[in-house]
ModelCIF file with pLDDT and N, C-alpha, C, O atoms, coordinates in Angstrom:
data_MODEL
#
_entry.id   MODEL 
#
_entity.id                         1 
_entity.type                       polymer 
_entity.pdbx_number_of_molecules   1 
#
_entity_poly.entity_id                      1 
_entity_poly.type                           'polypeptide(L)' 
_entity_poly.nstd_linkage                   no 
_entity_poly.nstd_monomer                   no 
_entity_poly.pdbx_seq_one_letter_code       DDIKAEWNTKGSRYVSDINKMVEFGETNGWENWKGKEPEDKRDHLA 
_entity_poly.pdbx_seq_one_letter_code_can   DDIKAEWNTKGSRYVSDINKMVEFGETNGWENWKGKEPEDKRDHLA 
_entity_poly.pdbx_strand_id                 A 
#
loop_
_entity_poly_seq.entity_id 
_entity_poly_seq.num 
_entity_poly_seq.mon_id 
_entity_poly_seq.hetero 
1 1  ASP n 
1 2  ASP n 
1 3  ILE n 
1 4  LYS n 
1 5  ALA n 
1 6  GLU n 
1 7  TRP n 
1 8  ASN n 
1 9  THR n 
1 10 LYS n 
1 11 GLY n 
1 12 SER n 
1 13 ARG n 
1 14 TYR n 
1 15 VAL n 
1 16 SER n 
1 17 ASP n 
1 18 ILE n 
1 19 ASN n 
1 20 LYS n 
1 21 MET n 
1 22 VAL n 
1 23 GLU n 
1 24 PHE n 
1 25 GLY n 
1 26 GLU n 
1 27 THR n 
1 28 ASN n 
1 29 GLY n 
1 30 TRP n 
1 31 GLU n 
1 32 ASN n 
1 33 TRP n 
1 34 LYS n 
1 35 GLY n 
1 36 LYS n 
1 37 GLU n 
1 38 PRO n 
1 39 GLU n 
1 40 ASP n 
1 41 LYS n 
1 42 ARG n 
1 43 ASP n 
1 44 HIS n 
1 45 LEU n 
1 46 ALA n 
#
_struct_asym.id          A 
_struct_asym.entity_id   1 
#
loop_
_ma_qa_metric.id 
_ma_qa_metric.mode 
_ma_qa_metric.name 
_ma_qa_metric.software_group_id 
_ma_qa_metric.type 
1 global pLDDT . pLDDT 
2 local  pLDDT . pLDDT 
#
_ma_qa_metric_global.metric_id      1 
_ma_qa_metric_global.metric_value   95.22 
_ma_qa_metric_global.model_id       1 
_ma_qa_metric_global.ordinal_id     1 
#
loop_
_ma_qa_metric_local.label_asym_id 
_ma_qa_metric_local.label_comp_id 
_ma_qa_metric_local.label_seq_id 
_ma_qa_metric_local.metric_id 
_ma_qa_metric_local.metric_value 
_ma_qa_metric_local.model_id 
_ma_qa_metric_local.ordinal_id 
A ASP 1  2 96.00 1 1  
A ASP 2  2 96.00 1 2  
A ILE 3  2 97.00 1 3  
A LYS 4  2 97.00 1 4  
A ALA 5  2 97.00 1 5  
A GLU 6  2 98.00 1 6  
A TRP 7  2 98.00 1 7  
A ASN 8  2 98.00 1 8  
A THR 9  2 98.00 1 9  
A LYS 10 2 98.00 1 10 
A GLY 11 2 98.00 1 11 
A SER 12 2 97.00 1 12 
A ARG 13 2 98.00 1 13 
A TYR 14 2 98.00 1 14 
A VAL 15 2 98.00 1 15 
A SER 16 2 97.00 1 16 
A ASP 17 2 97.00 1 17 
A ILE 18 2 96.00 1 18 
A ASN 19 2 96.00 1 19 
A LYS 20 2 96.00 1 20 
A MET 21 2 95.00 1 21 
A VAL 22 2 92.00 1 22 
A GLU 23 2 93.00 1 23 
A PHE 24 2 94.00 1 24 
A GLY 25 2 91.00 1 25 
A GLU 26 2 89.00 1 26 
A THR 27 2 91.00 1 27 
A ASN 28 2 93.00 1 28 
A GLY 29 2 90.00 1 29 
A TRP 30 2 90.00 1 30 
A GLU 31 2 92.00 1 31 
A ASN 32 2 95.00 1 32 
A TRP 33 2 93.00 1 33 
A LYS 34 2 92.00 1 34 
A GLY 35 2 90.00 1 35 
A LYS 36 2 92.00 1 36 
A GLU 37 2 93.00 1 37 
A PRO 38 2 96.00 1 38 
A GLU 39 2 96.00 1 39 
A ASP 40 2 97.00 1 40 
A LYS 41 2 96.00 1 41 
A ARG 42 2 98.00 1 42 
A ASP 43 2 97.00 1 43 
A HIS 44 2 97.00 1 44 
A LEU 45 2 97.00 1 45 
A ALA 46 2 97.00 1 46 
#
loop_
_atom_site.group_PDB 
_atom_site.id 
_atom_site.type_symbol 
_atom_site.label_atom_id 
_atom_site.label_alt_id 
_atom_site.label_comp_id 
_atom_site.label_asym_id 
_atom_site.label_entity_id 
_atom_site.label_seq_id 
_atom_site.pdbx_PDB_ins_code 
_atom_site.Cartn_x 
_atom_site.Cartn_y 
_atom_site.Cartn_z 
_atom_site.occupancy 
_atom_site.B_iso_or_equiv 
_atom_site.pdbx_formal_charge 
_atom_site.auth_seq_id 
_atom_site.auth_comp_id 
_atom_site.auth_asym_id 
_atom_site.auth_atom_id 
_atom_site.pdbx_PDB_model_num 
ATOM 1   N N  . ASP A 1 1  ? 10.394  3.732  19.948  1.00 96.00 ? 1  ASP A N  1 
ATOM 2   C CA . ASP A 1 1  ? 10.542  4.794  18.938  1.00 96.00 ? 1  ASP A CA 1 
ATOM 3   C C  . ASP A 1 1  ? 10.844  4.200  17.562  1.00 96.00 ? 1  ASP A C  1 
ATOM 4   O O  . ASP A 1 1  ? 10.326  4.668  16.548  1.00 96.00 ? 1  ASP A O  1 
ATOM 5   N N  . ASP A 1 2  ? 11.693  3.158  17.536  1.00 96.00 ? 2  ASP A N  1 
ATOM 6   C CA . ASP A 1 2  ? 12.041  2.516  16.258  1.00 96.00 ? 2  ASP A CA 1 
ATOM 7   C C  . ASP A 1 2  ? 10.814  1.825  15.659  1.00 96.00 ? 2  ASP A C  1 
ATOM 8   O O  . ASP A 1 2  ? 10.562  1.920  14.458  1.00 96.00 ? 2  ASP A O  1 
ATOM 9   N N  . ILE A 1 3  ? 10.055  1.129  16.513  1.00 97.00 ? 3  ILE A N  1 
ATOM 10  C CA . ILE A 1 3  ? 8.850   0.423  16.044  1.00 97.00 ? 3  ILE A CA 1 
ATOM 11  C C  . ILE A 1 3  ? 7.834   1.427  15.504  1.00 97.00 ? 3  ILE A C  1 
ATOM 12  O O  . ILE A 1 3  ? 7.231   1.224  14.451  1.00 97.00 ? 3  ILE A O  1 
ATOM 13  N N  . LYS A 1 4  ? 7.663   2.516  16.256  1.00 97.00 ? 4  LYS A N  1 
ATOM 14  C CA . LYS A 1 4  ? 6.710   3.556  15.847  1.00 97.00 ? 4  LYS A CA 1 
ATOM 15  C C  . LYS A 1 4  ? 7.113   4.143  14.490  1.00 97.00 ? 4  LYS A C  1 
ATOM 16  O O  . LYS A 1 4  ? 6.266   4.315  13.613  1.00 97.00 ? 4  LYS A O  1 
ATOM 17  N N  . ALA A 1 5  ? 8.390   4.446  14.317  1.00 97.00 ? 5  ALA A N  1 
ATOM 18  C CA . ALA A 1 5  ? 8.855   5.036  13.050  1.00 97.00 ? 5  ALA A CA 1 
ATOM 19  C C  . ALA A 1 5  ? 8.611   4.063  11.892  1.00 97.00 ? 5  ALA A C  1 
ATOM 20  O O  . ALA A 1 5  ? 8.131   4.462  10.831  1.00 97.00 ? 5  ALA A O  1 
ATOM 21  N N  . GLU A 1 6  ? 8.942   2.790  12.102  1.00 98.00 ? 6  GLU A N  1 
ATOM 22  C CA . GLU A 1 6  ? 8.774   1.800  11.030  1.00 98.00 ? 6  GLU A CA 1 
ATOM 23  C C  . GLU A 1 6  ? 7.288   1.564  10.744  1.00 98.00 ? 6  GLU A C  1 
ATOM 24  O O  . GLU A 1 6  ? 6.884   1.466  9.585   1.00 98.00 ? 6  GLU A O  1 
ATOM 25  N N  . TRP A 1 7  ? 6.479   1.473  11.800  1.00 98.00 ? 7  TRP A N  1 
ATOM 26  C CA . TRP A 1 7  ? 5.025   1.266  11.638  1.00 98.00 ? 7  TRP A CA 1 
ATOM 27  C C  . TRP A 1 7  ? 4.404   2.384  10.792  1.00 98.00 ? 7  TRP A C  1 
ATOM 28  O O  . TRP A 1 7  ? 3.600   2.130  9.896   1.00 98.00 ? 7  TRP A O  1 
ATOM 29  N N  . ASN A 1 8  ? 4.791   3.611  11.095  1.00 98.00 ? 8  ASN A N  1 
ATOM 30  C CA . ASN A 1 8  ? 4.196   4.758  10.408  1.00 98.00 ? 8  ASN A CA 1 
ATOM 31  C C  . ASN A 1 8  ? 4.732   4.934  8.988   1.00 98.00 ? 8  ASN A C  1 
ATOM 32  O O  . ASN A 1 8  ? 3.971   5.220  8.064   1.00 98.00 ? 8  ASN A O  1 
ATOM 33  N N  . THR A 1 9  ? 6.039   4.763  8.818   1.00 98.00 ? 9  THR A N  1 
ATOM 34  C CA . THR A 1 9  ? 6.622   4.945  7.484   1.00 98.00 ? 9  THR A CA 1 
ATOM 35  C C  . THR A 1 9  ? 6.092   3.893  6.516   1.00 98.00 ? 9  THR A C  1 
ATOM 36  O O  . THR A 1 9  ? 5.628   4.216  5.422   1.00 98.00 ? 9  THR A O  1 
ATOM 37  N N  . LYS A 1 10 ? 6.167   2.623  6.935   1.00 98.00 ? 10 LYS A N  1 
ATOM 38  C CA . LYS A 1 10 ? 5.716   1.545  6.043   1.00 98.00 ? 10 LYS A CA 1 
ATOM 39  C C  . LYS A 1 10 ? 4.202   1.571  5.872   1.00 98.00 ? 10 LYS A C  1 
ATOM 40  O O  . LYS A 1 10 ? 3.689   1.271  4.794   1.00 98.00 ? 10 LYS A O  1 
ATOM 41  N N  . GLY A 1 11 ? 3.493   1.929  6.935   1.00 98.00 ? 11 GLY A N  1 
ATOM 42  C CA . GLY A 1 11 ? 2.030   1.954  6.875   1.00 98.00 ? 11 GLY A CA 1 
ATOM 43  C C  . GLY A 1 11 ? 1.503   3.005  5.926   1.00 98.00 ? 11 GLY A C  1 
ATOM 44  O O  . GLY A 1 11 ? 0.625   2.729  5.109   1.00 98.00 ? 11 GLY A O  1 
ATOM 45  N N  . SER A 1 12 ? 2.041   4.224  6.031   1.00 97.00 ? 12 SER A N  1 
ATOM 46  C CA . SER A 1 12 ? 1.522   5.287  5.165   1.00 97.00 ? 12 SER A CA 1 
ATOM 47  C C  . SER A 1 12 ? 1.915   5.043  3.705   1.00 97.00 ? 12 SER A C  1 
ATOM 48  O O  . SER A 1 12 ? 1.164   5.387  2.793   1.00 97.00 ? 12 SER A O  1 
ATOM 49  N N  . ARG A 1 13 ? 3.103   4.443  3.485   1.00 98.00 ? 13 ARG A N  1 
ATOM 50  C CA . ARG A 1 13 ? 3.510   4.137  2.104   1.00 98.00 ? 13 ARG A CA 1 
ATOM 51  C C  . ARG A 1 13 ? 2.585   3.067  1.507   1.00 98.00 ? 13 ARG A C  1 
ATOM 52  O O  . ARG A 1 13 ? 2.129   3.193  0.370   1.00 98.00 ? 13 ARG A O  1 
ATOM 53  N N  . TYR A 1 14 ? 2.316   2.022  2.283   1.00 98.00 ? 14 TYR A N  1 
ATOM 54  C CA . TYR A 1 14 ? 1.439   0.938  1.819   1.00 98.00 ? 14 TYR A CA 1 
ATOM 55  C C  . TYR A 1 14 ? 0.042   1.467  1.482   1.00 98.00 ? 14 TYR A C  1 
ATOM 56  O O  . TYR A 1 14 ? -0.516  1.147  0.433   1.00 98.00 ? 14 TYR A O  1 
ATOM 57  N N  . VAL A 1 15 ? -0.508  2.271  2.377   1.00 98.00 ? 15 VAL A N  1 
ATOM 58  C CA . VAL A 1 15 ? -1.863  2.798  2.178   1.00 98.00 ? 15 VAL A CA 1 
ATOM 59  C C  . VAL A 1 15 ? -1.907  3.718  0.960   1.00 98.00 ? 15 VAL A C  1 
ATOM 60  O O  . VAL A 1 15 ? -2.854  3.670  0.174   1.00 98.00 ? 15 VAL A O  1 
ATOM 61  N N  . SER A 1 16 ? -0.889  4.548  0.806   1.00 97.00 ? 16 SER A N  1 
ATOM 62  C CA . SER A 1 16 ? -0.821  5.440  -0.354  1.00 97.00 ? 16 SER A CA 1 
ATOM 63  C C  . SER A 1 16 ? -0.801  4.630  -1.649  1.00 97.00 ? 16 SER A C  1 
ATOM 64  O O  . SER A 1 16 ? -1.486  4.971  -2.612  1.00 97.00 ? 16 SER A O  1 
ATOM 65  N N  . ASP A 1 17 ? -0.001  3.542  -1.664  1.00 97.00 ? 17 ASP A N  1 
ATOM 66  C CA . ASP A 1 17 ? 0.091   2.702  -2.870  1.00 97.00 ? 17 ASP A CA 1 
ATOM 67  C C  . ASP A 1 17 ? -1.241  2.003  -3.161  1.00 97.00 ? 17 ASP A C  1 
ATOM 68  O O  . ASP A 1 17 ? -1.660  1.911  -4.315  1.00 97.00 ? 17 ASP A O  1 
ATOM 69  N N  . ILE A 1 18 ? -1.899  1.513  -2.110  1.00 96.00 ? 18 ILE A N  1 
ATOM 70  C CA . ILE A 1 18 ? -3.209  0.842  -2.291  1.00 96.00 ? 18 ILE A CA 1 
ATOM 71  C C  . ILE A 1 18 ? -4.237  1.843  -2.816  1.00 96.00 ? 18 ILE A C  1 
ATOM 72  O O  . ILE A 1 18 ? -4.978  1.546  -3.753  1.00 96.00 ? 18 ILE A O  1 
ATOM 73  N N  . ASN A 1 19 ? -4.278  3.023  -2.212  1.00 96.00 ? 19 ASN A N  1 
ATOM 74  C CA . ASN A 1 19 ? -5.256  4.031  -2.650  1.00 96.00 ? 19 ASN A CA 1 
ATOM 75  C C  . ASN A 1 19 ? -5.030  4.436  -4.110  1.00 96.00 ? 19 ASN A C  1 
ATOM 76  O O  . ASN A 1 19 ? -5.985  4.673  -4.850  1.00 96.00 ? 19 ASN A O  1 
ATOM 77  N N  . LYS A 1 20 ? -3.753  4.515  -4.518  1.00 96.00 ? 20 LYS A N  1 
ATOM 78  C CA . LYS A 1 20 ? -3.458  4.834  -5.931  1.00 96.00 ? 20 LYS A CA 1 
ATOM 79  C C  . LYS A 1 20 ? -3.947  3.707  -6.841  1.00 96.00 ? 20 LYS A C  1 
ATOM 80  O O  . LYS A 1 20 ? -4.501  3.963  -7.911  1.00 96.00 ? 20 LYS A O  1 
ATOM 81  N N  . MET A 1 21 ? -3.739  2.451  -6.408  1.00 95.00 ? 21 MET A N  1 
ATOM 82  C CA . MET A 1 21 ? -4.178  1.308  -7.206  1.00 95.00 ? 21 MET A CA 1 
ATOM 83  C C  . MET A 1 21 ? -5.701  1.298  -7.351  1.00 95.00 ? 21 MET A C  1 
ATOM 84  O O  . MET A 1 21 ? -6.230  1.060  -8.437  1.00 95.00 ? 21 MET A O  1 
ATOM 85  N N  . VAL A 1 22 ? -6.402  1.560  -6.235  1.00 92.00 ? 22 VAL A N  1 
ATOM 86  C CA . VAL A 1 22 ? -7.876  1.576  -6.264  1.00 92.00 ? 22 VAL A CA 1 
ATOM 87  C C  . VAL A 1 22 ? -8.366  2.695  -7.186  1.00 92.00 ? 22 VAL A C  1 
ATOM 88  O O  . VAL A 1 22 ? -9.296  2.504  -7.970  1.00 92.00 ? 22 VAL A O  1 
ATOM 89  N N  . GLU A 1 23 ? -7.727  3.864  -7.079  1.00 93.00 ? 23 GLU A N  1 
ATOM 90  C CA . GLU A 1 23 ? -8.134  4.985  -7.932  1.00 93.00 ? 23 GLU A CA 1 
ATOM 91  C C  . GLU A 1 23 ? -7.944  4.629  -9.414  1.00 93.00 ? 23 GLU A C  1 
ATOM 92  O O  . GLU A 1 23 ? -8.791  4.932  -10.254 1.00 93.00 ? 23 GLU A O  1 
ATOM 93  N N  . PHE A 1 24 ? -6.807  3.976  -9.713  1.00 94.00 ? 24 PHE A N  1 
ATOM 94  C CA . PHE A 1 24 ? -6.555  3.561  -11.100 1.00 94.00 ? 24 PHE A CA 1 
ATOM 95  C C  . PHE A 1 24 ? -7.610  2.558  -11.561 1.00 94.00 ? 24 PHE A C  1 
ATOM 96  O O  . PHE A 1 24 ? -8.176  2.693  -12.646 1.00 94.00 ? 24 PHE A O  1 
ATOM 97  N N  . GLY A 1 25 ? -7.871  1.540  -10.717 1.00 91.00 ? 25 GLY A N  1 
ATOM 98  C CA . GLY A 1 25 ? -8.826  0.498  -11.080 1.00 91.00 ? 25 GLY A CA 1 
ATOM 99  C C  . GLY A 1 25 ? -10.225 1.052  -11.312 1.00 91.00 ? 25 GLY A C  1 
ATOM 100 O O  . GLY A 1 25 ? -10.923 0.643  -12.240 1.00 91.00 ? 25 GLY A O  1 
ATOM 101 N N  . GLU A 1 26 ? -10.623 1.984  -10.458 1.00 89.00 ? 26 GLU A N  1 
ATOM 102 C CA . GLU A 1 26 ? -11.976 2.534  -10.581 1.00 89.00 ? 26 GLU A CA 1 
ATOM 103 C C  . GLU A 1 26 ? -12.085 3.506  -11.763 1.00 89.00 ? 26 GLU A C  1 
ATOM 104 O O  . GLU A 1 26 ? -13.153 3.656  -12.357 1.00 89.00 ? 26 GLU A O  1 
ATOM 105 N N  . THR A 1 27 ? -10.973 4.161  -12.095 1.00 91.00 ? 27 THR A N  1 
ATOM 106 C CA . THR A 1 27 ? -10.996 5.129  -13.203 1.00 91.00 ? 27 THR A CA 1 
ATOM 107 C C  . THR A 1 27 ? -10.819 4.443  -14.557 1.00 91.00 ? 27 THR A C  1 
ATOM 108 O O  . THR A 1 27 ? -11.510 4.768  -15.522 1.00 91.00 ? 27 THR A O  1 
ATOM 109 N N  . ASN A 1 28 ? -9.891  3.496  -14.617 1.00 93.00 ? 28 ASN A N  1 
ATOM 110 C CA . ASN A 1 28 ? -9.501  2.921  -15.910 1.00 93.00 ? 28 ASN A CA 1 
ATOM 111 C C  . ASN A 1 28 ? -9.969  1.480  -16.116 1.00 93.00 ? 28 ASN A C  1 
ATOM 112 O O  . ASN A 1 28 ? -9.770  0.910  -17.189 1.00 93.00 ? 28 ASN A O  1 
ATOM 113 N N  . GLY A 1 29 ? -10.588 0.892  -15.094 1.00 90.00 ? 29 GLY A N  1 
ATOM 114 C CA . GLY A 1 29 ? -11.001 -0.514 -15.201 1.00 90.00 ? 29 GLY A CA 1 
ATOM 115 C C  . GLY A 1 29 ? -9.915  -1.421 -14.635 1.00 90.00 ? 29 GLY A C  1 
ATOM 116 O O  . GLY A 1 29 ? -8.735  -1.268 -14.951 1.00 90.00 ? 29 GLY A O  1 
ATOM 117 N N  . TRP A 1 30 ? -10.331 -2.372 -13.790 1.00 90.00 ? 30 TRP A N  1 
ATOM 118 C CA . TRP A 1 30 ? -9.346  -3.235 -13.115 1.00 90.00 ? 30 TRP A CA 1 
ATOM 119 C C  . TRP A 1 30 ? -8.581  -4.106 -14.094 1.00 90.00 ? 30 TRP A C  1 
ATOM 120 O O  . TRP A 1 30 ? -7.448  -4.506 -13.828 1.00 90.00 ? 30 TRP A O  1 
ATOM 121 N N  . GLU A 1 31 ? -9.206  -4.400 -15.235 1.00 92.00 ? 31 GLU A N  1 
ATOM 122 C CA . GLU A 1 31 ? -8.516  -5.266 -16.211 1.00 92.00 ? 31 GLU A CA 1 
ATOM 123 C C  . GLU A 1 31 ? -7.270  -4.581 -16.792 1.00 92.00 ? 31 GLU A C  1 
ATOM 124 O O  . GLU A 1 31 ? -6.400  -5.239 -17.363 1.00 92.00 ? 31 GLU A O  1 
ATOM 125 N N  . ASN A 1 32 ? -7.196  -3.254 -16.639 1.00 95.00 ? 32 ASN A N  1 
ATOM 126 C CA . ASN A 1 32 ? -6.040  -2.517 -17.184 1.00 95.00 ? 32 ASN A CA 1 
ATOM 127 C C  . ASN A 1 32 ? -4.919  -2.324 -16.155 1.00 95.00 ? 32 ASN A C  1 
ATOM 128 O O  . ASN A 1 32 ? -3.856  -1.797 -16.482 1.00 95.00 ? 32 ASN A O  1 
ATOM 129 N N  . TRP A 1 33 ? -5.162  -2.754 -14.909 1.00 93.00 ? 33 TRP A N  1 
ATOM 130 C CA . TRP A 1 33 ? -4.113  -2.635 -13.893 1.00 93.00 ? 33 TRP A CA 1 
ATOM 131 C C  . TRP A 1 33 ? -3.071  -3.722 -14.122 1.00 93.00 ? 33 TRP A C  1 
ATOM 132 O O  . TRP A 1 33 ? -3.382  -4.911 -14.052 1.00 93.00 ? 33 TRP A O  1 
ATOM 133 N N  . LYS A 1 34 ? -1.836  -3.315 -14.394 1.00 92.00 ? 34 LYS A N  1 
ATOM 134 C CA . LYS A 1 34 ? -0.774  -4.297 -14.676 1.00 92.00 ? 34 LYS A CA 1 
ATOM 135 C C  . LYS A 1 34 ? 0.264   -4.354 -13.555 1.00 92.00 ? 34 LYS A C  1 
ATOM 136 O O  . LYS A 1 34 ? 1.186   -5.169 -13.592 1.00 92.00 ? 34 LYS A O  1 
ATOM 137 N N  . GLY A 1 35 ? 0.107   -3.493 -12.573 1.00 90.00 ? 35 GLY A N  1 
ATOM 138 C CA . GLY A 1 35 ? 1.106   -3.447 -11.503 1.00 90.00 ? 35 GLY A CA 1 
ATOM 139 C C  . GLY A 1 35 ? 0.918   -4.573 -10.496 1.00 90.00 ? 35 GLY A C  1 
ATOM 140 O O  . GLY A 1 35 ? -0.069  -5.308 -10.545 1.00 90.00 ? 35 GLY A O  1 
ATOM 141 N N  . LYS A 1 36 ? 1.882   -4.698 -9.580  1.00 92.00 ? 36 LYS A N  1 
ATOM 142 C CA . LYS A 1 36 ? 1.752   -5.685 -8.495  1.00 92.00 ? 36 LYS A CA 1 
ATOM 143 C C  . LYS A 1 36 ? 0.883   -5.080 -7.399  1.00 92.00 ? 36 LYS A C  1 
ATOM 144 O O  . LYS A 1 36 ? 0.852   -3.862 -7.219  1.00 92.00 ? 36 LYS A O  1 
ATOM 145 N N  . GLU A 1 37 ? 0.176   -5.947 -6.664  1.00 93.00 ? 37 GLU A N  1 
ATOM 146 C CA . GLU A 1 37 ? -0.598  -5.437 -5.534  1.00 93.00 ? 37 GLU A CA 1 
ATOM 147 C C  . GLU A 1 37 ? 0.356   -5.083 -4.396  1.00 93.00 ? 37 GLU A C  1 
ATOM 148 O O  . GLU A 1 37 ? 1.199   -5.904 -4.037  1.00 93.00 ? 37 GLU A O  1 
ATOM 149 N N  . PRO A 1 38 ? 0.248   -3.886 -3.818  1.00 96.00 ? 38 PRO A N  1 
ATOM 150 C CA . PRO A 1 38 ? 1.137   -3.510 -2.708  1.00 96.00 ? 38 PRO A CA 1 
ATOM 151 C C  . PRO A 1 38 ? 0.995   -4.469 -1.528  1.00 96.00 ? 38 PRO A C  1 
ATOM 152 O O  . PRO A 1 38 ? -0.067  -5.047 -1.300  1.00 96.00 ? 38 PRO A O  1 
ATOM 153 N N  . GLU A 1 39 ? 2.086   -4.623 -0.788  1.00 96.00 ? 39 GLU A N  1 
ATOM 154 C CA . GLU A 1 39 ? 2.071   -5.503 0.388   1.00 96.00 ? 39 GLU A CA 1 
ATOM 155 C C  . GLU A 1 39 ? 2.332   -4.678 1.640   1.00 96.00 ? 39 GLU A C  1 
ATOM 156 O O  . GLU A 1 39 ? 3.154   -3.761 1.643   1.00 96.00 ? 39 GLU A O  1 
ATOM 157 N N  . ASP A 1 40 ? 1.603   -5.031 2.717   1.00 97.00 ? 40 ASP A N  1 
ATOM 158 C CA . ASP A 1 40 ? 1.841   -4.409 4.022   1.00 97.00 ? 40 ASP A CA 1 
ATOM 159 C C  . ASP A 1 40 ? 2.929   -5.233 4.711   1.00 97.00 ? 40 ASP A C  1 
ATOM 160 O O  . ASP A 1 40 ? 2.698   -6.378 5.099   1.00 97.00 ? 40 ASP A O  1 
ATOM 161 N N  . LYS A 1 41 ? 4.102   -4.648 4.857   1.00 96.00 ? 41 LYS A N  1 
ATOM 162 C CA . LYS A 1 41 ? 5.259   -5.410 5.359   1.00 96.00 ? 41 LYS A CA 1 
ATOM 163 C C  . LYS A 1 41 ? 5.541   -5.108 6.829   1.00 96.00 ? 41 LYS A C  1 
ATOM 164 O O  . LYS A 1 41 ? 6.668   -4.790 7.210   1.00 96.00 ? 41 LYS A O  1 
ATOM 165 N N  . ARG A 1 42 ? 4.487   -5.215 7.647   1.00 98.00 ? 42 ARG A N  1 
ATOM 166 C CA . ARG A 1 42 ? 4.657   -4.890 9.077   1.00 98.00 ? 42 ARG A CA 1 
ATOM 167 C C  . ARG A 1 42 ? 4.315   -6.058 9.997   1.00 98.00 ? 42 ARG A C  1 
ATOM 168 O O  . ARG A 1 42 ? 4.154   -5.868 11.203  1.00 98.00 ? 42 ARG A O  1 
ATOM 169 N N  . ASP A 1 43 ? 4.202   -7.260 9.443   1.00 97.00 ? 43 ASP A N  1 
ATOM 170 C CA . ASP A 1 43 ? 3.822   -8.411 10.276  1.00 97.00 ? 43 ASP A CA 1 
ATOM 171 C C  . ASP A 1 43 ? 4.758   -8.593 11.471  1.00 97.00 ? 43 ASP A C  1 
ATOM 172 O O  . ASP A 1 43 ? 4.313   -8.937 12.565  1.00 97.00 ? 43 ASP A O  1 
ATOM 173 N N  . HIS A 1 44 ? 6.045   -8.362 11.260  1.00 97.00 ? 44 HIS A N  1 
ATOM 174 C CA . HIS A 1 44 ? 7.037   -8.593 12.324  1.00 97.00 ? 44 HIS A CA 1 
ATOM 175 C C  . HIS A 1 44 ? 6.893   -7.596 13.481  1.00 97.00 ? 44 HIS A C  1 
ATOM 176 O O  . HIS A 1 44 ? 7.458   -7.803 14.555  1.00 97.00 ? 44 HIS A O  1 
ATOM 177 N N  . LEU A 1 45 ? 6.138   -6.522 13.259  1.00 97.00 ? 45 LEU A N  1 
ATOM 178 C CA . LEU A 1 45 ? 5.944   -5.526 14.329  1.00 97.00 ? 45 LEU A CA 1 
ATOM 179 C C  . LEU A 1 45 ? 4.696   -5.797 15.158  1.00 97.00 ? 45 LEU A C  1 
ATOM 180 O O  . LEU A 1 45 ? 4.509   -5.206 16.221  1.00 97.00 ? 45 LEU A O  1 
ATOM 181 N N  . ALA A 1 46 ? 3.836   -6.699 14.664  1.00 97.00 ? 46 ALA A N  1 
ATOM 182 C CA . ALA A 1 46 ? 2.491   -6.831 15.236  1.00 97.00 ? 46 ALA A CA 1 
ATOM 183 C C  . ALA A 1 46 ? 2.502   -7.235 16.708  1.00 97.00 ? 46 ALA A C  1 
ATOM 184 O O  . ALA A 1 46 ? 1.442   -7.381 17.316  1.00 97.00 ? 46 ALA A O  1 
#
């Protein structure tokens, strides 16, 4: 249950952040993206 909760919480947050970054890059040009690239922090659960 703990693994499932962490997998889903971190996974959906990571994907949401990536999708926002892609939307920004495609709308405004990648050269204007100044943020950090999101990281998927679930390696320890694999």
